[in-house]
Amino acid sequence: MCDALSRTHDFAGVMQILEGARRELLGEGLLTVNLRTDRLPGRSAMKAREDDVELQRVWSSDVDAYPLAGRKRKSWTSWTLQLLGRGEVFVGEGVAAIEEAFSDHALIASLGLQSVVNVPLLDPHGACFATFNVLTPQARWTPRDVVSIRLLALLATPAVALEAFRLS
């Protein structure tokens, strides 16, 4: 994987390699990457209100269910404060955690997914500019699973930052 990543220079290629590693490490599931478009230069006019956060999907391992360029607005909740505000990893285990955190919980359930890890991707100032999101059919994560996801997110960060720059 490291050799392949060092030879890949486009966002989609990097994400395909990381998705392959995610599948090998964790099995079935979903990987998405969302940019905080309310933080991109020239994009603030798209916000509905000052207290909204806008996210745009730039990667999806299931484009039928979660198409690229999909956008959503989020208000400040405990989930958005933790992940986007404080830049802390969110680990949600079980259907109840998914229902509490996500308005699209019915779609998530229809895909057979029960647990999520959202990793904030941080800029040099420590602010969250994107999220790396992994969902799984399993009801609980192991510590190894969470560390694996965090490492994959770390490997994705430079490519996601370049994609954010390209889109701004």
C-alpha atoms as a PDB file:
ATOM      1  CA  MET A   1       0.000   0.000   0.000  1.00  0.00           C
ATOM      2  CA  CYS A   2       2.758   2.479   0.885  1.00  0.00           C
ATOM      3  CA  ASP A   3       4.542   1.803  -2.423  1.00  0.00           C
ATOM      4  CA  ALA A   4       1.307   2.235  -4.375  1.00  0.00           C
ATOM      5  CA  LEU A   5       0.481   5.467  -2.551  1.00  0.00           C
ATOM      6  CA  SER A   6       3.924   6.898  -3.261  1.00  0.00           C
ATOM      7  CA  ARG A   7       3.354   6.354  -6.995  1.00  0.00           C
ATOM      8  CA  THR A   8      -0.202   7.693  -7.115  1.00  0.00           C
ATOM      9  CA  HIS A   9      -0.686  11.377  -7.741  1.00  0.00           C
ATOM     10  CA  ASP A  10      -4.427  11.800  -8.148  1.00  0.00           C
ATOM     11  CA  PHE A  11      -7.127  11.952  -5.491  1.00  0.00           C
ATOM     12  CA  ALA A  12      -9.269   9.118  -6.881  1.00  0.00           C
ATOM     13  CA  GLY A  13      -6.249   6.832  -7.139  1.00  0.00           C
ATOM     14  CA  VAL A  14      -5.217   7.501  -3.537  1.00  0.00           C
ATOM     15  CA  MET A  15      -8.754   6.884  -2.313  1.00  0.00           C
ATOM     16  CA  GLN A  16      -9.070   3.622  -4.269  1.00  0.00           C
ATOM     17  CA  ILE A  17      -5.884   2.353  -2.636  1.00  0.00           C
ATOM     18  CA  LEU A  18      -7.123   3.360   0.830  1.00  0.00           C
ATOM     19  CA  GLU A  19     -10.528   1.783   0.160  1.00  0.00           C
ATOM     20  CA  GLY A  20      -8.768  -1.463  -0.778  1.00  0.00           C
ATOM     21  CA  ALA A  21      -6.812  -1.351   2.471  1.00  0.00           C
ATOM     22  CA  ARG A  22     -10.004  -0.575   4.422  1.00  0.00           C
ATOM     23  CA  ARG A  23     -11.745  -3.612   2.918  1.00  0.00           C
ATOM     24  CA  GLU A  24      -8.759  -5.842   3.625  1.00  0.00           C
ATOM     25  CA  LEU A  25      -8.517  -4.674   7.250  1.00  0.00           C
ATOM     26  CA  LEU A  26     -12.208  -4.300   8.128  1.00  0.00           C
ATOM     27  CA  GLY A  27     -14.297  -6.186   5.561  1.00  0.00           C
ATOM     28  CA  GLU A  28     -17.603  -4.944   4.187  1.00  0.00           C
ATOM     29  CA  GLY A  29     -18.662  -1.380   4.818  1.00  0.00           C
ATOM     30  CA  LEU A  30     -18.684   2.147   3.467  1.00  0.00           C
ATOM     31  CA  LEU A  31     -15.989   4.808   3.169  1.00  0.00           C
ATOM     32  CA  THR A  32     -16.811   8.433   2.451  1.00  0.00           C
ATOM     33  CA  VAL A  33     -14.847  11.665   2.651  1.00  0.00           C
ATOM     34  CA  ASN A  34     -16.600  14.994   3.181  1.00  0.00           C
ATOM     35  CA  LEU A  35     -15.117  18.479   2.843  1.00  0.00           C
ATOM     36  CA  ARG A  36     -16.288  21.345   5.004  1.00  0.00           C
ATOM     37  CA  THR A  37     -17.299  23.649   2.192  1.00  0.00           C
ATOM     38  CA  ASP A  38     -18.235  26.420   4.614  1.00  0.00           C
ATOM     39  CA  ARG A  39     -14.474  26.698   5.214  1.00  0.00           C
ATOM     40  CA  LEU A  40     -13.460  26.879   1.536  1.00  0.00           C
ATOM     41  CA  PRO A  41     -12.680  30.350   0.120  1.00  0.00           C
ATOM     42  CA  GLY A  42     -15.559  31.740  -1.924  1.00  0.00           C
ATOM     43  CA  ARG A  43     -18.037  29.100  -0.735  1.00  0.00           C
ATOM     44  CA  SER A  44     -19.557  30.786   2.328  1.00  0.00           C
ATOM     45  CA  ALA A  45     -22.489  32.135   0.283  1.00  0.00           C
ATOM     46  CA  MET A  46     -23.870  28.583   0.084  1.00  0.00           C
ATOM     47  CA  LYS A  47     -24.556  28.428   3.803  1.00  0.00           C
ATOM     48  CA  ALA A  48     -28.178  28.711   4.841  1.00  0.00           C
ATOM     49  CA  ARG A  49     -27.357  30.348   8.185  1.00  0.00           C
ATOM     50  CA  GLU A  50     -24.207  31.361  10.023  1.00  0.00           C
ATOM     51  CA  ASP A  51     -24.686  28.536  12.511  1.00  0.00           C
ATOM     52  CA  ASP A  52     -24.828  25.851   9.807  1.00  0.00           C
ATOM     53  CA  VAL A  53     -21.954  23.701   8.650  1.00  0.00           C
ATOM     54  CA  GLU A  54     -21.940  22.575   5.034  1.00  0.00           C
ATOM     55  CA  LEU A  55     -20.342  19.319   3.936  1.00  0.00           C
ATOM     56  CA  GLN A  56     -19.698  18.073   0.407  1.00  0.00           C
ATOM     57  CA  ARG A  57     -18.905  14.444  -0.364  1.00  0.00           C
ATOM     58  CA  VAL A  58     -15.744  14.103  -2.460  1.00  0.00           C
ATOM     59  CA  TRP A  59     -15.288  10.332  -2.127  1.00  0.00           C
ATOM     60  CA  SER A  60     -17.673   7.424  -1.719  1.00  0.00           C
ATOM     61  CA  SER A  61     -17.118   3.701  -1.949  1.00  0.00           C
ATOM     62  CA  ASP A  62     -20.845   3.372  -2.768  1.00  0.00           C
ATOM     63  CA  VAL A  63     -21.748   6.091  -5.257  1.00  0.00           C
ATOM     64  CA  ASP A  64     -25.248   4.683  -5.753  1.00  0.00           C
ATOM     65  CA  ALA A  65     -26.219   5.244  -2.124  1.00  0.00           C
ATOM     66  CA  TYR A  66     -23.844   8.164  -1.455  1.00  0.00           C
ATOM     67  CA  PRO A  67     -23.074   9.959  -4.731  1.00  0.00           C
ATOM     68  CA  LEU A  68     -20.085  12.205  -5.191  1.00  0.00           C
ATOM     69  CA  ALA A  69     -20.668  15.934  -4.816  1.00  0.00           C
ATOM     70  CA  GLY A  70     -23.622  15.257  -2.512  1.00  0.00           C
ATOM     71  CA  ARG A  71     -24.048  18.149  -0.084  1.00  0.00           C
ATOM     72  CA  LYS A  72     -25.678  18.457   3.289  1.00  0.00           C
ATOM     73  CA  ARG A  73     -26.080  21.120   5.903  1.00  0.00           C
ATOM     74  CA  LYS A  74     -25.587  20.266   9.533  1.00  0.00           C
ATOM     75  CA  SER A  75     -26.534  22.313  12.539  1.00  0.00           C
ATOM     76  CA  TRP A  76     -24.331  22.353  15.614  1.00  0.00           C
ATOM     77  CA  THR A  77     -25.141  19.216  17.610  1.00  0.00           C
ATOM     78  CA  SER A  78     -23.040  17.200  20.031  1.00  0.00           C
ATOM     79  CA  TRP A  79     -21.776  15.203  17.016  1.00  0.00           C
ATOM     80  CA  THR A  80     -20.801  18.261  14.930  1.00  0.00           C
ATOM     81  CA  LEU A  81     -19.249  19.981  17.950  1.00  0.00           C
ATOM     82  CA  GLN A  82     -17.119  16.921  18.719  1.00  0.00           C
ATOM     83  CA  LEU A  83     -16.046  16.129  15.156  1.00  0.00           C
ATOM     84  CA  LEU A  84     -16.055  19.465  13.326  1.00  0.00           C
ATOM     85  CA  GLY A  85     -15.751  21.914  16.202  1.00  0.00           C
ATOM     86  CA  ARG A  86     -13.202  20.264  18.494  1.00  0.00           C
ATOM     87  CA  GLY A  87     -11.609  18.003  15.855  1.00  0.00           C
ATOM     88  CA  GLU A  88     -12.122  14.816  17.873  1.00  0.00           C
ATOM     89  CA  VAL A  89     -12.757  11.330  16.504  1.00  0.00           C
ATOM     90  CA  PHE A  90     -16.370  10.146  16.801  1.00  0.00           C
ATOM     91  CA  VAL A  91     -16.991   6.440  17.422  1.00  0.00           C
ATOM     92  CA  GLY A  92     -20.642   5.421  17.149  1.00  0.00           C
ATOM     93  CA  GLU A  93     -21.535   1.824  17.882  1.00  0.00           C
ATOM     94  CA  GLY A  94     -24.906   0.264  17.200  1.00  0.00           C
ATOM     95  CA  VAL A  95     -28.097   1.386  15.538  1.00  0.00           C
ATOM     96  CA  ALA A  96     -29.051   3.785  18.359  1.00  0.00           C
ATOM     97  CA  ALA A  97     -25.789   5.731  17.942  1.00  0.00           C
ATOM     98  CA  ILE A  98     -26.354   5.979  14.188  1.00  0.00           C
ATOM     99  CA  GLU A  99     -29.936   7.167  14.699  1.00  0.00           C
ATOM    100  CA  GLU A 100     -28.846   9.811  17.180  1.00  0.00           C
ATOM    101  CA  ALA A 101     -26.056  11.242  15.031  1.00  0.00           C
ATOM    102  CA  PHE A 102     -27.341  11.033  11.449  1.00  0.00           C
ATOM    103  CA  SER A 103     -30.505  12.245   9.761  1.00  0.00           C
ATOM    104  CA  ASP A 104     -29.995   9.644   7.007  1.00  0.00           C
ATOM    105  CA  HIS A 105     -30.024   6.783   9.519  1.00  0.00           C
ATOM    106  CA  ALA A 106     -32.749   4.950   7.534  1.00  0.00           C
ATOM    107  CA  LEU A 107     -30.493   4.811   4.457  1.00  0.00           C
ATOM    108  CA  ILE A 108     -27.578   3.678   6.601  1.00  0.00           C
ATOM    109  CA  ALA A 109     -29.730   0.911   8.124  1.00  0.00           C
ATOM    110  CA  SER A 110     -30.982  -0.147   4.676  1.00  0.00           C
ATOM    111  CA  LEU A 111     -27.348  -0.749   3.691  1.00  0.00           C
ATOM    112  CA  GLY A 112     -26.940  -3.025   6.723  1.00  0.00           C
ATOM    113  CA  LEU A 113     -24.518  -0.651   8.446  1.00  0.00           C
ATOM    114  CA  GLN A 114     -24.564  -0.383  12.242  1.00  0.00           C
ATOM    115  CA  SER A 115     -21.466   1.468  13.418  1.00  0.00           C
ATOM    116  CA  VAL A 116     -19.383   4.446  12.357  1.00  0.00           C
ATOM    117  CA  VAL A 117     -16.008   6.042  12.945  1.00  0.00           C
ATOM    118  CA  ASN A 118     -15.676   9.658  11.784  1.00  0.00           C
ATOM    119  CA  VAL A 119     -12.127  10.996  11.776  1.00  0.00           C
ATOM    120  CA  PRO A 120     -11.594  14.752  11.471  1.00  0.00           C
ATOM    121  CA  LEU A 121      -8.899  15.767   9.009  1.00  0.00           C
ATOM    122  CA  LEU A 122      -7.163  18.786  10.489  1.00  0.00           C
ATOM    123  CA  ASP A 123      -5.410  21.705   8.833  1.00  0.00           C
ATOM    124  CA  PRO A 124      -2.053  22.986  10.186  1.00  0.00           C
ATOM    125  CA  HIS A 125      -3.936  25.196  12.678  1.00  0.00           C
ATOM    126  CA  GLY A 126      -5.858  22.231  14.110  1.00  0.00           C
ATOM    127  CA  ALA A 127      -9.199  23.092  12.473  1.00  0.00           C
ATOM    128  CA  CYS A 128     -11.270  20.342  10.848  1.00  0.00           C
ATOM    129  CA  PHE A 129     -11.444  20.851   7.069  1.00  0.00           C
ATOM    130  CA  ALA A 130     -12.778  17.390   6.147  1.00  0.00           C
ATOM    131  CA  THR A 131     -13.985  14.102   7.594  1.00  0.00           C
ATOM    132  CA  PHE A 132     -12.961  10.524   6.818  1.00  0.00           C
ATOM    133  CA  ASN A 133     -15.954   8.302   7.542  1.00  0.00           C
ATOM    134  CA  VAL A 134     -16.115   4.528   7.817  1.00  0.00           C
ATOM    135  CA  LEU A 135     -19.275   2.544   8.500  1.00  0.00           C
ATOM    136  CA  THR A 136     -19.555  -1.197   9.076  1.00  0.00           C
ATOM    137  CA  PRO A 137     -22.203  -3.884   9.443  1.00  0.00           C
ATOM    138  CA  GLN A 138     -20.713  -4.909  12.794  1.00  0.00           C
ATOM    139  CA  ALA A 139     -22.308  -3.520  15.952  1.00  0.00           C
ATOM    140  CA  ARG A 140     -19.027  -2.740  17.739  1.00  0.00           C
ATOM    141  CA  TRP A 141     -15.509  -1.672  16.875  1.00  0.00           C
ATOM    142  CA  THR A 142     -12.327  -3.150  18.298  1.00  0.00           C
ATOM    143  CA  PRO A 143      -9.533  -0.790  19.381  1.00  0.00           C
ATOM    144  CA  ARG A 144      -7.506  -2.189  16.435  1.00  0.00           C
ATOM    145  CA  ASP A 145     -10.327  -1.228  14.036  1.00  0.00           C
ATOM    146  CA  VAL A 146     -10.402   2.360  15.292  1.00  0.00           C
ATOM    147  CA  VAL A 147      -6.606   2.708  15.101  1.00  0.00           C
ATOM    148  CA  SER A 148      -6.628   1.253  11.567  1.00  0.00           C
ATOM    149  CA  ILE A 149      -9.259   3.771  10.451  1.00  0.00           C
ATOM    150  CA  ARG A 150      -7.361   6.648  12.038  1.00  0.00           C
ATOM    151  CA  LEU A 151      -4.154   5.612  10.262  1.00  0.00           C
ATOM    152  CA  LEU A 152      -5.965   5.354   6.913  1.00  0.00           C
ATOM    153  CA  ALA A 153      -7.400   8.833   7.534  1.00  0.00           C
ATOM    154  CA  LEU A 154      -3.929  10.160   8.269  1.00  0.00           C
ATOM    155  CA  LEU A 155      -2.674   8.699   4.982  1.00  0.00           C
ATOM    156  CA  ALA A 156      -5.623  10.308   3.161  1.00  0.00           C
ATOM    157  CA  THR A 157      -5.098  13.786   4.610  1.00  0.00           C
ATOM    158  CA  PRO A 158      -2.575  15.183   2.063  1.00  0.00           C
ATOM    159  CA  ALA A 159      -4.669  14.029  -0.914  1.00  0.00           C
ATOM    160  CA  VAL A 160      -7.884  15.380   0.634  1.00  0.00           C
ATOM    161  CA  ALA A 161      -6.182  18.710   1.340  1.00  0.00           C
ATOM    162  CA  LEU A 162      -5.085  18.963  -2.300  1.00  0.00           C
ATOM    163  CA  GLU A 163      -8.611  18.112  -3.445  1.00  0.00           C
ATOM    164  CA  ALA A 164     -10.001  20.831  -1.159  1.00  0.00           C
ATOM    165  CA  PHE A 165      -7.518  23.291  -2.653  1.00  0.00           C
ATOM    166  CA  ARG A 166      -8.484  22.205  -6.184  1.00  0.00           C
ATOM    167  CA  LEU A 167     -12.185  22.761  -5.434  1.00  0.00           C
ATOM    168  CA  SER A 168     -11.720  26.163  -3.760  1.00  0.00           C
END
